[in-house]
Amino acid sequence: MDLPALLRERRLLAIVRGRHTESVLHTVLALASEGVDLIEVSLTSANALDVISRARADLPSTTVLGAGTVVTATDARNAHAAGAGFVVTPGLGDGVPEARDLGMPTVVGALTPTEVIAARAAGADAVKLFPAASMGGPDYLRALRAPFPDVPFVPVGGVDADAFRRYLDLGALAVGVGSPLTGDAADGGSLDELRARIRAFLDTVAETAA
C-alpha cells in the first residue's frame, strides 16, 4: 500500500473513537457509505479490534481501514491480525518498528522538530502532527514546513472545518479529523447528523482540489 499517495489523494483521514462497540462500528460503516474511504479506528475504542475485523469483512477493498493509538508491539500485532491496513501512533514507540516488520505503513506522531526527525528516521510513511490545534494550529504547520518542506505532515487533534481547510492550503498531505467530524455518533449519537457533517467535510475536500 502506498499510504502517502492515498493520503494525498483523499485528504481526509477520519478518526473514530467511542465507548459503544456497535456505535463505533456503525460510525465506521456510515463514513464509508458516504464516501470517506480512509478511516482510523482508535484502539482506545470499545472492542476496537473486533470493530476493525467486522468492518474489514463488510467493507470493500477500496475502503482503507487502519488502527490508531498504536503504542506497543502487541498493539501492532493485534491490529495486523484484526485486518488493519496501516497504523497510526501518538508518538515514537515500539509499535512503529513492529508495524514496519509486519509490512504495515505507519503514520507516526510527532510535535517538535526533534521528534519529526526521529519519526522520519524510524521510517514513518507520514508524520502525524499532534496535538495540532492546541499547540499552534495551522501557523505551527507553516513554521515546521520551512525546515521540513518534504515531510508528509498529517495534522491531528481538534481540527474543525475551518482549520481543516487551512491545513490543506498550507501543504498538509492530509488531515486527521475526529470528534469535529464524528461528533457523538460513536457513543450512540445521531447517524443522520454524522452524515451531514461528512458531506460538509467532503465538500471542503472537493473545493481544495478544484
N, C-alpha and C. Protein backbone atom coordinates (compact mmCIF):
# COMPACT_ATOMS: atom_id res chain seq x y z
N MET A 1 0.84 -1.19 0.00
CA MET A 1 0.00 0.00 0.00
C MET A 1 0.88 1.25 0.00
N ASP A 2 0.59 2.18 -0.89
CA ASP A 2 1.29 3.46 -0.91
C ASP A 2 0.45 4.44 -0.09
N LEU A 3 0.64 4.41 1.22
CA LEU A 3 -0.20 5.22 2.10
C LEU A 3 -0.04 6.72 1.84
N PRO A 4 1.18 7.25 1.66
CA PRO A 4 1.27 8.69 1.37
C PRO A 4 0.47 9.09 0.12
N ALA A 5 0.49 8.25 -0.91
CA ALA A 5 -0.28 8.57 -2.11
C ALA A 5 -1.78 8.57 -1.82
N LEU A 6 -2.24 7.63 -1.00
CA LEU A 6 -3.65 7.59 -0.64
C LEU A 6 -4.04 8.82 0.18
N LEU A 7 -3.19 9.20 1.13
CA LEU A 7 -3.46 10.38 1.92
C LEU A 7 -3.51 11.63 1.04
N ARG A 8 -2.58 11.73 0.11
CA ARG A 8 -2.53 12.89 -0.79
C ARG A 8 -3.78 12.96 -1.67
N GLU A 9 -4.25 11.80 -2.08
CA GLU A 9 -5.42 11.76 -2.95
C GLU A 9 -6.71 12.03 -2.19
N ARG A 10 -6.84 11.48 -1.00
CA ARG A 10 -8.13 11.51 -0.29
C ARG A 10 -8.24 12.65 0.70
N ARG A 11 -7.12 13.13 1.22
CA ARG A 11 -7.01 14.33 2.02
C ARG A 11 -7.63 14.25 3.41
N LEU A 12 -8.67 13.44 3.59
CA LEU A 12 -9.36 13.33 4.87
C LEU A 12 -9.14 11.95 5.47
N LEU A 13 -8.57 11.93 6.68
CA LEU A 13 -8.44 10.70 7.46
C LEU A 13 -9.42 10.81 8.61
N ALA A 14 -10.49 10.02 8.57
CA ALA A 14 -11.49 10.05 9.63
C ALA A 14 -11.01 9.22 10.81
N ILE A 15 -11.15 9.77 12.02
CA ILE A 15 -10.70 9.10 13.24
C ILE A 15 -11.93 8.78 14.09
N VAL A 16 -12.09 7.50 14.38
CA VAL A 16 -13.27 7.04 15.13
C VAL A 16 -12.82 6.53 16.49
N ARG A 17 -13.47 7.07 17.52
CA ARG A 17 -13.18 6.66 18.90
C ARG A 17 -14.49 6.71 19.67
N GLY A 18 -14.85 5.63 20.35
CA GLY A 18 -16.12 5.64 21.06
C GLY A 18 -16.21 4.59 22.14
N ARG A 19 -17.27 4.72 22.95
CA ARG A 19 -17.43 3.85 24.12
C ARG A 19 -18.33 2.65 23.87
N HIS A 20 -19.06 2.66 22.75
CA HIS A 20 -20.04 1.60 22.50
C HIS A 20 -19.67 0.85 21.21
N THR A 21 -19.45 -0.41 21.34
CA THR A 21 -18.94 -1.21 20.23
C THR A 21 -19.78 -1.06 18.97
N GLU A 22 -21.08 -1.28 19.08
CA GLU A 22 -21.93 -1.24 17.89
C GLU A 22 -21.98 0.16 17.30
N SER A 23 -21.96 1.18 18.15
CA SER A 23 -21.98 2.55 17.65
C SER A 23 -20.68 2.89 16.92
N VAL A 24 -19.56 2.40 17.44
CA VAL A 24 -18.29 2.60 16.75
C VAL A 24 -18.34 1.94 15.37
N LEU A 25 -18.83 0.71 15.32
CA LEU A 25 -18.93 0.01 14.04
C LEU A 25 -19.86 0.74 13.09
N HIS A 26 -21.02 1.17 13.56
CA HIS A 26 -21.97 1.86 12.69
C HIS A 26 -21.41 3.19 12.19
N THR A 27 -20.59 3.83 13.03
CA THR A 27 -19.95 5.07 12.59
C THR A 27 -18.98 4.81 11.46
N VAL A 28 -18.17 3.76 11.60
CA VAL A 28 -17.24 3.40 10.53
C VAL A 28 -17.99 3.09 9.23
N LEU A 29 -19.05 2.31 9.33
CA LEU A 29 -19.81 1.93 8.14
C LEU A 29 -20.49 3.14 7.51
N ALA A 30 -20.98 4.07 8.33
CA ALA A 30 -21.61 5.28 7.80
C ALA A 30 -20.59 6.16 7.08
N LEU A 31 -19.42 6.31 7.66
CA LEU A 31 -18.36 7.07 6.99
C LEU A 31 -18.07 6.49 5.61
N ALA A 32 -17.91 5.18 5.56
CA ALA A 32 -17.60 4.53 4.29
C ALA A 32 -18.74 4.68 3.29
N SER A 33 -19.97 4.56 3.76
CA SER A 33 -21.11 4.64 2.84
C SER A 33 -21.27 6.03 2.25
N GLU A 34 -20.77 7.06 2.97
CA GLU A 34 -20.88 8.44 2.49
C GLU A 34 -19.66 8.85 1.66
N GLY A 35 -18.70 7.95 1.51
CA GLY A 35 -17.57 8.26 0.63
C GLY A 35 -16.26 8.54 1.32
N VAL A 36 -16.21 8.40 2.64
CA VAL A 36 -14.93 8.53 3.34
C VAL A 36 -14.27 7.16 3.35
N ASP A 37 -13.19 7.02 2.62
CA ASP A 37 -12.62 5.68 2.45
C ASP A 37 -11.22 5.55 3.02
N LEU A 38 -10.89 6.41 3.99
CA LEU A 38 -9.63 6.31 4.72
C LEU A 38 -9.99 6.55 6.19
N ILE A 39 -10.07 5.47 6.96
CA ILE A 39 -10.66 5.52 8.30
C ILE A 39 -9.72 4.87 9.32
N GLU A 40 -9.52 5.56 10.42
CA GLU A 40 -8.72 5.05 11.55
C GLU A 40 -9.65 4.75 12.72
N VAL A 41 -9.54 3.55 13.27
CA VAL A 41 -10.27 3.19 14.48
C VAL A 41 -9.28 3.16 15.63
N SER A 42 -9.49 4.03 16.60
CA SER A 42 -8.57 4.09 17.74
C SER A 42 -8.70 2.84 18.59
N LEU A 43 -7.55 2.30 19.01
CA LEU A 43 -7.56 1.13 19.88
C LEU A 43 -8.09 1.44 21.27
N THR A 44 -8.30 2.72 21.59
CA THR A 44 -8.92 3.06 22.86
C THR A 44 -10.44 2.93 22.80
N SER A 45 -11.00 2.64 21.64
CA SER A 45 -12.44 2.43 21.50
C SER A 45 -12.83 1.08 22.10
N ALA A 46 -14.11 0.97 22.44
CA ALA A 46 -14.63 -0.30 22.96
C ALA A 46 -14.47 -1.40 21.93
N ASN A 47 -13.80 -2.47 22.31
CA ASN A 47 -13.63 -3.65 21.44
C ASN A 47 -13.15 -3.25 20.04
N ALA A 48 -12.14 -2.40 20.02
CA ALA A 48 -11.68 -1.83 18.75
C ALA A 48 -11.24 -2.90 17.75
N LEU A 49 -10.54 -3.91 18.23
CA LEU A 49 -10.04 -4.94 17.31
C LEU A 49 -11.20 -5.70 16.68
N ASP A 50 -12.25 -5.96 17.45
CA ASP A 50 -13.44 -6.61 16.90
C ASP A 50 -14.11 -5.71 15.88
N VAL A 51 -14.18 -4.42 16.16
CA VAL A 51 -14.76 -3.47 15.21
C VAL A 51 -13.97 -3.48 13.90
N ILE A 52 -12.65 -3.43 14.00
CA ILE A 52 -11.82 -3.44 12.79
C ILE A 52 -12.06 -4.71 12.00
N SER A 53 -12.08 -5.84 12.68
CA SER A 53 -12.29 -7.12 12.00
C SER A 53 -13.64 -7.18 11.31
N ARG A 54 -14.69 -6.77 12.00
CA ARG A 54 -16.04 -6.82 11.42
C ARG A 54 -16.20 -5.82 10.28
N ALA A 55 -15.65 -4.62 10.48
CA ALA A 55 -15.75 -3.62 9.41
C ALA A 55 -14.98 -4.05 8.18
N ARG A 56 -13.80 -4.65 8.41
CA ARG A 56 -12.99 -5.10 7.29
C ARG A 56 -13.74 -6.16 6.47
N ALA A 57 -14.49 -7.01 7.14
CA ALA A 57 -15.25 -8.04 6.45
C ALA A 57 -16.41 -7.46 5.66
N ASP A 58 -16.96 -6.33 6.11
CA ASP A 58 -18.13 -5.74 5.48
C ASP A 58 -17.80 -4.74 4.37
N LEU A 59 -16.62 -4.15 4.44
CA LEU A 59 -16.30 -3.04 3.54
C LEU A 59 -15.53 -3.50 2.32
N PRO A 60 -15.66 -2.77 1.22
CA PRO A 60 -14.89 -3.13 0.02
C PRO A 60 -13.42 -2.81 0.20
N SER A 61 -12.61 -3.37 -0.65
CA SER A 61 -11.16 -3.18 -0.54
C SER A 61 -10.76 -1.72 -0.80
N THR A 62 -11.63 -0.95 -1.44
CA THR A 62 -11.33 0.46 -1.69
C THR A 62 -11.38 1.29 -0.41
N THR A 63 -12.03 0.78 0.63
CA THR A 63 -12.02 1.46 1.92
C THR A 63 -10.81 0.99 2.71
N VAL A 64 -9.93 1.92 3.02
CA VAL A 64 -8.68 1.59 3.71
C VAL A 64 -8.89 1.84 5.20
N LEU A 65 -8.71 0.80 5.98
CA LEU A 65 -9.03 0.82 7.41
C LEU A 65 -7.76 0.63 8.21
N GLY A 66 -7.53 1.55 9.15
CA GLY A 66 -6.34 1.47 9.97
C GLY A 66 -6.65 1.44 11.44
N ALA A 67 -5.63 1.16 12.24
CA ALA A 67 -5.74 1.16 13.69
C ALA A 67 -4.98 2.35 14.25
N GLY A 68 -5.63 3.10 15.15
CA GLY A 68 -4.99 4.26 15.77
C GLY A 68 -4.64 4.00 17.22
N THR A 69 -3.87 4.93 17.79
CA THR A 69 -3.38 4.83 19.15
C THR A 69 -2.60 3.52 19.35
N VAL A 70 -1.80 3.19 18.35
CA VAL A 70 -0.92 2.02 18.44
C VAL A 70 0.35 2.45 19.16
N VAL A 71 0.61 1.84 20.30
CA VAL A 71 1.75 2.24 21.13
C VAL A 71 2.77 1.12 21.23
N THR A 72 2.32 -0.08 21.54
CA THR A 72 3.24 -1.19 21.80
C THR A 72 3.34 -2.12 20.58
N ALA A 73 4.35 -3.01 20.66
CA ALA A 73 4.48 -4.03 19.62
C ALA A 73 3.26 -4.94 19.60
N THR A 74 2.71 -5.24 20.76
CA THR A 74 1.49 -6.05 20.83
C THR A 74 0.32 -5.36 20.15
N ASP A 75 0.21 -4.06 20.34
CA ASP A 75 -0.84 -3.30 19.64
C ASP A 75 -0.72 -3.49 18.13
N ALA A 76 0.49 -3.39 17.63
CA ALA A 76 0.71 -3.51 16.19
C ALA A 76 0.35 -4.92 15.71
N ARG A 77 0.78 -5.93 16.44
CA ARG A 77 0.46 -7.30 16.05
C ARG A 77 -1.05 -7.56 16.08
N ASN A 78 -1.70 -7.06 17.11
CA ASN A 78 -3.15 -7.25 17.20
C ASN A 78 -3.88 -6.52 16.07
N ALA A 79 -3.43 -5.32 15.75
CA ALA A 79 -4.05 -4.56 14.66
C ALA A 79 -3.89 -5.30 13.33
N HIS A 80 -2.72 -5.84 13.11
CA HIS A 80 -2.46 -6.59 11.88
C HIS A 80 -3.36 -7.81 11.81
N ALA A 81 -3.48 -8.54 12.92
CA ALA A 81 -4.31 -9.74 12.95
C ALA A 81 -5.78 -9.42 12.72
N ALA A 82 -6.22 -8.23 13.16
CA ALA A 82 -7.62 -7.83 13.00
C ALA A 82 -7.95 -7.38 11.59
N GLY A 83 -6.92 -7.13 10.77
CA GLY A 83 -7.16 -6.73 9.40
C GLY A 83 -6.88 -5.28 9.09
N ALA A 84 -6.29 -4.54 10.03
CA ALA A 84 -5.94 -3.15 9.77
C ALA A 84 -4.87 -3.08 8.68
N GLY A 85 -5.00 -2.09 7.81
CA GLY A 85 -4.04 -1.95 6.72
C GLY A 85 -2.90 -1.01 7.03
N PHE A 86 -3.04 -0.20 8.06
CA PHE A 86 -1.98 0.72 8.47
C PHE A 86 -2.17 1.03 9.94
N VAL A 87 -1.16 1.65 10.55
CA VAL A 87 -1.26 2.04 11.95
C VAL A 87 -0.94 3.52 12.09
N VAL A 88 -1.56 4.11 13.11
CA VAL A 88 -1.30 5.50 13.48
C VAL A 88 -0.90 5.50 14.95
N THR A 89 0.17 6.20 15.27
CA THR A 89 0.67 6.21 16.64
C THR A 89 0.65 7.63 17.20
N PRO A 90 0.53 7.77 18.53
CA PRO A 90 0.61 9.10 19.14
C PRO A 90 2.05 9.60 19.27
N GLY A 91 3.00 8.70 19.14
CA GLY A 91 4.40 9.06 19.26
C GLY A 91 5.27 7.92 18.78
N LEU A 92 6.56 8.04 19.01
CA LEU A 92 7.51 7.04 18.53
C LEU A 92 7.71 5.99 19.61
N GLY A 93 7.07 4.82 19.44
CA GLY A 93 7.18 3.74 20.41
C GLY A 93 7.46 2.41 19.73
N ASP A 94 7.37 1.34 20.50
CA ASP A 94 7.69 0.01 19.98
C ASP A 94 6.73 -0.45 18.89
N GLY A 95 5.55 0.16 18.82
CA GLY A 95 4.60 -0.23 17.79
C GLY A 95 5.07 0.12 16.39
N VAL A 96 5.95 1.11 16.27
CA VAL A 96 6.39 1.55 14.94
C VAL A 96 7.26 0.51 14.25
N PRO A 97 8.38 0.06 14.86
CA PRO A 97 9.19 -0.96 14.17
C PRO A 97 8.44 -2.27 13.99
N GLU A 98 7.56 -2.62 14.94
CA GLU A 98 6.81 -3.87 14.80
C GLU A 98 5.86 -3.78 13.60
N ALA A 99 5.18 -2.65 13.46
CA ALA A 99 4.30 -2.48 12.31
C ALA A 99 5.07 -2.55 11.01
N ARG A 100 6.22 -1.94 10.97
CA ARG A 100 7.03 -1.97 9.75
C ARG A 100 7.50 -3.40 9.45
N ASP A 101 7.86 -4.16 10.49
CA ASP A 101 8.25 -5.56 10.28
C ASP A 101 7.09 -6.38 9.72
N LEU A 102 5.87 -5.99 10.05
CA LEU A 102 4.68 -6.69 9.57
C LEU A 102 4.23 -6.18 8.20
N GLY A 103 4.94 -5.21 7.67
CA GLY A 103 4.60 -4.68 6.35
C GLY A 103 3.48 -3.66 6.36
N MET A 104 3.23 -3.06 7.53
CA MET A 104 2.14 -2.09 7.66
C MET A 104 2.70 -0.66 7.59
N PRO A 105 2.14 0.18 6.73
CA PRO A 105 2.55 1.59 6.71
C PRO A 105 2.23 2.26 8.05
N THR A 106 3.00 3.31 8.37
CA THR A 106 2.84 3.97 9.66
C THR A 106 2.69 5.48 9.50
N VAL A 107 1.80 6.02 10.30
CA VAL A 107 1.68 7.47 10.48
C VAL A 107 2.09 7.72 11.93
N VAL A 108 3.25 8.32 12.11
CA VAL A 108 3.87 8.37 13.44
C VAL A 108 3.71 9.77 14.04
N GLY A 109 3.23 9.82 15.28
CA GLY A 109 3.01 11.08 15.96
C GLY A 109 4.30 11.79 16.32
N ALA A 110 4.31 13.11 16.10
CA ALA A 110 5.45 13.95 16.45
C ALA A 110 4.94 15.38 16.64
N LEU A 111 5.67 16.16 17.41
CA LEU A 111 5.31 17.56 17.59
C LEU A 111 6.49 18.48 17.36
N THR A 112 7.61 18.19 18.01
CA THR A 112 8.77 19.07 17.91
C THR A 112 9.62 18.72 16.69
N PRO A 113 10.50 19.64 16.28
CA PRO A 113 11.42 19.31 15.17
C PRO A 113 12.24 18.06 15.44
N THR A 114 12.71 17.88 16.67
CA THR A 114 13.49 16.69 17.01
C THR A 114 12.65 15.43 16.80
N GLU A 115 11.39 15.47 17.22
CA GLU A 115 10.51 14.31 17.05
C GLU A 115 10.20 14.05 15.58
N VAL A 116 10.07 15.10 14.79
CA VAL A 116 9.85 14.92 13.35
C VAL A 116 11.03 14.18 12.74
N ILE A 117 12.24 14.60 13.09
CA ILE A 117 13.45 13.95 12.56
C ILE A 117 13.48 12.48 12.99
N ALA A 118 13.16 12.21 14.26
CA ALA A 118 13.18 10.84 14.77
C ALA A 118 12.13 9.97 14.08
N ALA A 119 10.95 10.53 13.85
CA ALA A 119 9.89 9.76 13.19
C ALA A 119 10.29 9.39 11.78
N ARG A 120 10.87 10.32 11.06
CA ARG A 120 11.29 10.01 9.68
C ARG A 120 12.45 9.01 9.69
N ALA A 121 13.36 9.14 10.65
CA ALA A 121 14.48 8.20 10.74
C ALA A 121 13.98 6.80 11.05
N ALA A 122 12.86 6.70 11.75
CA ALA A 122 12.28 5.39 12.09
C ALA A 122 11.48 4.80 10.93
N GLY A 123 11.39 5.53 9.83
CA GLY A 123 10.72 5.01 8.65
C GLY A 123 9.26 5.37 8.53
N ALA A 124 8.81 6.40 9.25
CA ALA A 124 7.41 6.81 9.16
C ALA A 124 7.03 7.15 7.73
N ASP A 125 5.91 6.60 7.28
CA ASP A 125 5.42 6.94 5.94
C ASP A 125 4.83 8.35 5.90
N ALA A 126 4.30 8.80 7.02
CA ALA A 126 3.83 10.16 7.19
C ALA A 126 3.98 10.52 8.65
N VAL A 127 4.01 11.82 8.93
CA VAL A 127 4.18 12.30 10.30
C VAL A 127 2.87 12.92 10.76
N LYS A 128 2.33 12.36 11.82
CA LYS A 128 1.12 12.89 12.44
C LYS A 128 1.51 14.05 13.35
N LEU A 129 1.16 15.26 12.95
CA LEU A 129 1.45 16.44 13.75
C LEU A 129 0.40 16.52 14.85
N PHE A 130 0.81 16.19 16.08
CA PHE A 130 -0.15 16.00 17.17
C PHE A 130 0.44 16.46 18.50
N PRO A 131 -0.38 17.16 19.32
CA PRO A 131 -1.74 17.64 19.07
C PRO A 131 -1.72 18.98 18.31
N ALA A 132 -2.33 19.02 17.17
CA ALA A 132 -2.16 20.14 16.25
C ALA A 132 -2.81 21.42 16.73
N ALA A 133 -4.10 21.36 17.05
CA ALA A 133 -4.84 22.59 17.34
C ALA A 133 -4.35 23.30 18.59
N SER A 134 -4.06 22.53 19.63
CA SER A 134 -3.71 23.14 20.91
C SER A 134 -2.25 23.59 20.98
N MET A 135 -1.45 23.26 19.97
CA MET A 135 -0.03 23.58 20.00
C MET A 135 0.39 24.44 18.81
N GLY A 136 -0.47 25.39 18.46
CA GLY A 136 -0.07 26.35 17.43
C GLY A 136 -0.92 26.36 16.18
N GLY A 137 -1.70 25.31 15.97
CA GLY A 137 -2.62 25.28 14.84
C GLY A 137 -1.93 25.36 13.49
N PRO A 138 -2.64 25.86 12.48
CA PRO A 138 -2.06 25.93 11.13
C PRO A 138 -0.77 26.72 11.04
N ASP A 139 -0.64 27.76 11.88
CA ASP A 139 0.59 28.54 11.83
C ASP A 139 1.81 27.71 12.24
N TYR A 140 1.60 26.74 13.12
CA TYR A 140 2.72 25.88 13.51
C TYR A 140 3.11 24.95 12.36
N LEU A 141 2.13 24.47 11.63
CA LEU A 141 2.45 23.68 10.43
C LEU A 141 3.26 24.52 9.46
N ARG A 142 2.85 25.76 9.25
CA ARG A 142 3.59 26.65 8.35
C ARG A 142 5.04 26.78 8.80
N ALA A 143 5.25 26.94 10.11
CA ALA A 143 6.61 27.09 10.63
C ALA A 143 7.42 25.81 10.42
N LEU A 144 6.81 24.64 10.65
CA LEU A 144 7.54 23.38 10.50
C LEU A 144 7.89 23.09 9.05
N ARG A 145 7.04 23.50 8.14
CA ARG A 145 7.30 23.20 6.73
C ARG A 145 8.49 23.98 6.17
N ALA A 146 8.92 25.03 6.87
CA ALA A 146 10.11 25.76 6.42
C ALA A 146 11.35 24.87 6.48
N PRO A 147 11.66 24.24 7.64
CA PRO A 147 12.83 23.35 7.67
C PRO A 147 12.53 21.95 7.14
N PHE A 148 11.25 21.59 7.03
CA PHE A 148 10.89 20.24 6.59
C PHE A 148 9.91 20.31 5.40
N PRO A 149 10.33 20.88 4.29
CA PRO A 149 9.39 21.07 3.17
C PRO A 149 8.91 19.78 2.54
N ASP A 150 9.68 18.70 2.70
CA ASP A 150 9.32 17.44 2.04
C ASP A 150 8.71 16.41 2.98
N VAL A 151 8.52 16.77 4.24
CA VAL A 151 7.91 15.83 5.18
C VAL A 151 6.40 15.79 4.96
N PRO A 152 5.82 14.60 4.81
CA PRO A 152 4.37 14.48 4.63
C PRO A 152 3.65 14.58 5.96
N PHE A 153 3.16 15.78 6.29
CA PHE A 153 2.51 16.03 7.57
C PHE A 153 1.02 15.74 7.49
N VAL A 154 0.50 15.14 8.56
CA VAL A 154 -0.94 14.91 8.72
C VAL A 154 -1.34 15.50 10.08
N PRO A 155 -1.80 16.75 10.12
CA PRO A 155 -2.21 17.34 11.40
C PRO A 155 -3.42 16.61 11.98
N VAL A 156 -3.38 16.41 13.29
CA VAL A 156 -4.45 15.69 14.00
C VAL A 156 -4.63 16.34 15.37
N GLY A 157 -5.88 16.45 15.80
CA GLY A 157 -6.15 16.92 17.16
C GLY A 157 -6.91 18.22 17.18
N GLY A 158 -8.23 18.16 17.38
CA GLY A 158 -9.04 19.35 17.49
C GLY A 158 -9.22 20.12 16.20
N VAL A 159 -9.17 19.45 15.08
CA VAL A 159 -9.24 20.12 13.78
C VAL A 159 -10.71 20.30 13.38
N ASP A 160 -11.19 21.54 13.39
CA ASP A 160 -12.55 21.80 12.93
C ASP A 160 -12.55 22.08 11.44
N ALA A 161 -13.72 22.40 10.89
CA ALA A 161 -13.84 22.55 9.44
C ALA A 161 -12.97 23.69 8.91
N ASP A 162 -12.90 24.80 9.63
CA ASP A 162 -12.09 25.93 9.17
C ASP A 162 -10.60 25.59 9.18
N ALA A 163 -10.14 24.98 10.28
CA ALA A 163 -8.73 24.60 10.36
C ALA A 163 -8.40 23.54 9.32
N PHE A 164 -9.34 22.64 9.07
CA PHE A 164 -9.15 21.60 8.06
C PHE A 164 -8.75 22.22 6.72
N ARG A 165 -9.50 23.22 6.30
CA ARG A 165 -9.20 23.89 5.03
C ARG A 165 -7.84 24.58 5.08
N ARG A 166 -7.54 25.26 6.18
CA ARG A 166 -6.27 25.99 6.28
C ARG A 166 -5.08 25.03 6.24
N TYR A 167 -5.18 23.90 6.92
CA TYR A 167 -4.08 22.94 6.90
C TYR A 167 -3.82 22.45 5.47
N LEU A 168 -4.88 22.15 4.75
CA LEU A 168 -4.69 21.69 3.38
C LEU A 168 -4.07 22.79 2.52
N ASP A 169 -4.53 24.02 2.71
CA ASP A 169 -3.98 25.13 1.93
C ASP A 169 -2.50 25.36 2.24
N LEU A 170 -2.08 25.02 3.46
CA LEU A 170 -0.70 25.22 3.87
C LEU A 170 0.21 24.04 3.54
N GLY A 171 -0.34 23.05 2.85
CA GLY A 171 0.51 21.97 2.36
C GLY A 171 0.46 20.67 3.13
N ALA A 172 -0.50 20.52 4.05
CA ALA A 172 -0.63 19.23 4.71
C ALA A 172 -0.95 18.15 3.69
N LEU A 173 -0.35 16.99 3.87
CA LEU A 173 -0.63 15.87 2.96
C LEU A 173 -2.09 15.48 3.06
N ALA A 174 -2.58 15.39 4.28
CA ALA A 174 -3.98 15.11 4.59
C ALA A 174 -4.20 15.63 6.00
N VAL A 175 -5.44 15.53 6.47
CA VAL A 175 -5.75 15.99 7.82
C VAL A 175 -6.58 14.91 8.51
N GLY A 176 -6.21 14.59 9.75
CA GLY A 176 -6.98 13.65 10.54
C GLY A 176 -8.02 14.38 11.37
N VAL A 177 -9.27 13.96 11.25
CA VAL A 177 -10.36 14.65 11.95
C VAL A 177 -11.14 13.62 12.76
N GLY A 178 -11.28 13.91 14.05
CA GLY A 178 -12.02 13.03 14.94
C GLY A 178 -13.38 13.59 15.29
N SER A 179 -13.53 14.09 16.53
CA SER A 179 -14.85 14.48 17.01
C SER A 179 -15.50 15.61 16.23
N PRO A 180 -14.78 16.58 15.64
CA PRO A 180 -15.48 17.56 14.82
C PRO A 180 -16.21 16.93 13.63
N LEU A 181 -15.77 15.75 13.23
CA LEU A 181 -16.44 15.02 12.16
C LEU A 181 -17.43 14.00 12.71
N THR A 182 -17.00 13.17 13.62
CA THR A 182 -17.84 12.07 14.08
C THR A 182 -18.83 12.49 15.16
N GLY A 183 -18.55 13.60 15.86
CA GLY A 183 -19.45 14.03 16.91
C GLY A 183 -19.61 12.95 17.97
N ASP A 184 -20.87 12.69 18.35
CA ASP A 184 -21.13 11.66 19.36
C ASP A 184 -21.66 10.37 18.74
N ALA A 185 -21.51 10.23 17.44
CA ALA A 185 -22.06 9.05 16.77
C ALA A 185 -21.49 7.75 17.32
N ALA A 186 -20.19 7.74 17.61
CA ALA A 186 -19.56 6.51 18.11
C ALA A 186 -19.92 6.21 19.55
N ASP A 187 -20.63 7.13 20.20
CA ASP A 187 -21.14 6.90 21.56
C ASP A 187 -22.65 6.74 21.55
N GLY A 188 -23.24 6.52 20.37
CA GLY A 188 -24.67 6.31 20.27
C GLY A 188 -25.45 7.49 19.74
N GLY A 189 -24.77 8.54 19.29
CA GLY A 189 -25.45 9.72 18.77
C GLY A 189 -26.02 9.52 17.38
N SER A 190 -26.54 10.59 16.83
CA SER A 190 -27.28 10.54 15.57
C SER A 190 -26.38 10.25 14.37
N LEU A 191 -26.73 9.22 13.61
CA LEU A 191 -26.01 8.93 12.37
C LEU A 191 -26.42 9.89 11.27
N ASP A 192 -27.65 10.41 11.33
CA ASP A 192 -28.08 11.41 10.33
C ASP A 192 -27.24 12.67 10.46
N GLU A 193 -27.01 13.11 11.69
CA GLU A 193 -26.17 14.29 11.89
C GLU A 193 -24.73 14.00 11.47
N LEU A 194 -24.27 12.79 11.72
CA LEU A 194 -22.94 12.38 11.26
C LEU A 194 -22.84 12.52 9.75
N ARG A 195 -23.84 12.02 9.05
CA ARG A 195 -23.80 12.06 7.58
C ARG A 195 -23.77 13.49 7.06
N ALA A 196 -24.47 14.40 7.73
CA ALA A 196 -24.44 15.80 7.33
C ALA A 196 -23.04 16.39 7.50
N ARG A 197 -22.38 16.05 8.61
CA ARG A 197 -21.01 16.54 8.82
C ARG A 197 -20.06 15.94 7.80
N ILE A 198 -20.24 14.67 7.49
CA ILE A 198 -19.39 14.04 6.48
C ILE A 198 -19.48 14.78 5.16
N ARG A 199 -20.70 15.08 4.73
CA ARG A 199 -20.89 15.76 3.45
C ARG A 199 -20.23 17.13 3.46
N ALA A 200 -20.30 17.83 4.60
CA ALA A 200 -19.67 19.15 4.69
C ALA A 200 -18.16 19.05 4.55
N PHE A 201 -17.54 18.07 5.23
CA PHE A 201 -16.09 17.91 5.12
C PHE A 201 -15.69 17.48 3.71
N LEU A 202 -16.46 16.59 3.10
CA LEU A 202 -16.13 16.16 1.75
C LEU A 202 -16.29 17.28 0.74
N ASP A 203 -17.23 18.19 0.98
CA ASP A 203 -17.36 19.37 0.13
C ASP A 203 -16.10 20.21 0.20
N THR A 204 -15.55 20.34 1.40
CA THR A 204 -14.30 21.10 1.57
C THR A 204 -13.15 20.43 0.84
N VAL A 205 -13.08 19.10 0.92
CA VAL A 205 -12.05 18.37 0.17
C VAL A 205 -12.17 18.66 -1.32
N ALA A 206 -13.39 18.61 -1.83
CA ALA A 206 -13.61 18.86 -3.26
C ALA A 206 -13.22 20.29 -3.64
N GLU A 207 -13.50 21.24 -2.75
CA GLU A 207 -13.18 22.63 -3.05
C GLU A 207 -11.67 22.86 -3.08
N THR A 208 -10.95 22.22 -2.18
CA THR A 208 -9.49 22.40 -2.15
C THR A 208 -8.83 21.72 -3.33
N ALA A 209 -9.48 20.72 -3.89
CA ALA A 209 -8.91 20.02 -5.05
C ALA A 209 -9.21 20.74 -6.35
N ALA A 210 -10.18 21.66 -6.33
CA ALA A 210 -10.60 22.33 -7.57
C ALA A 210 -9.55 23.32 -8.06
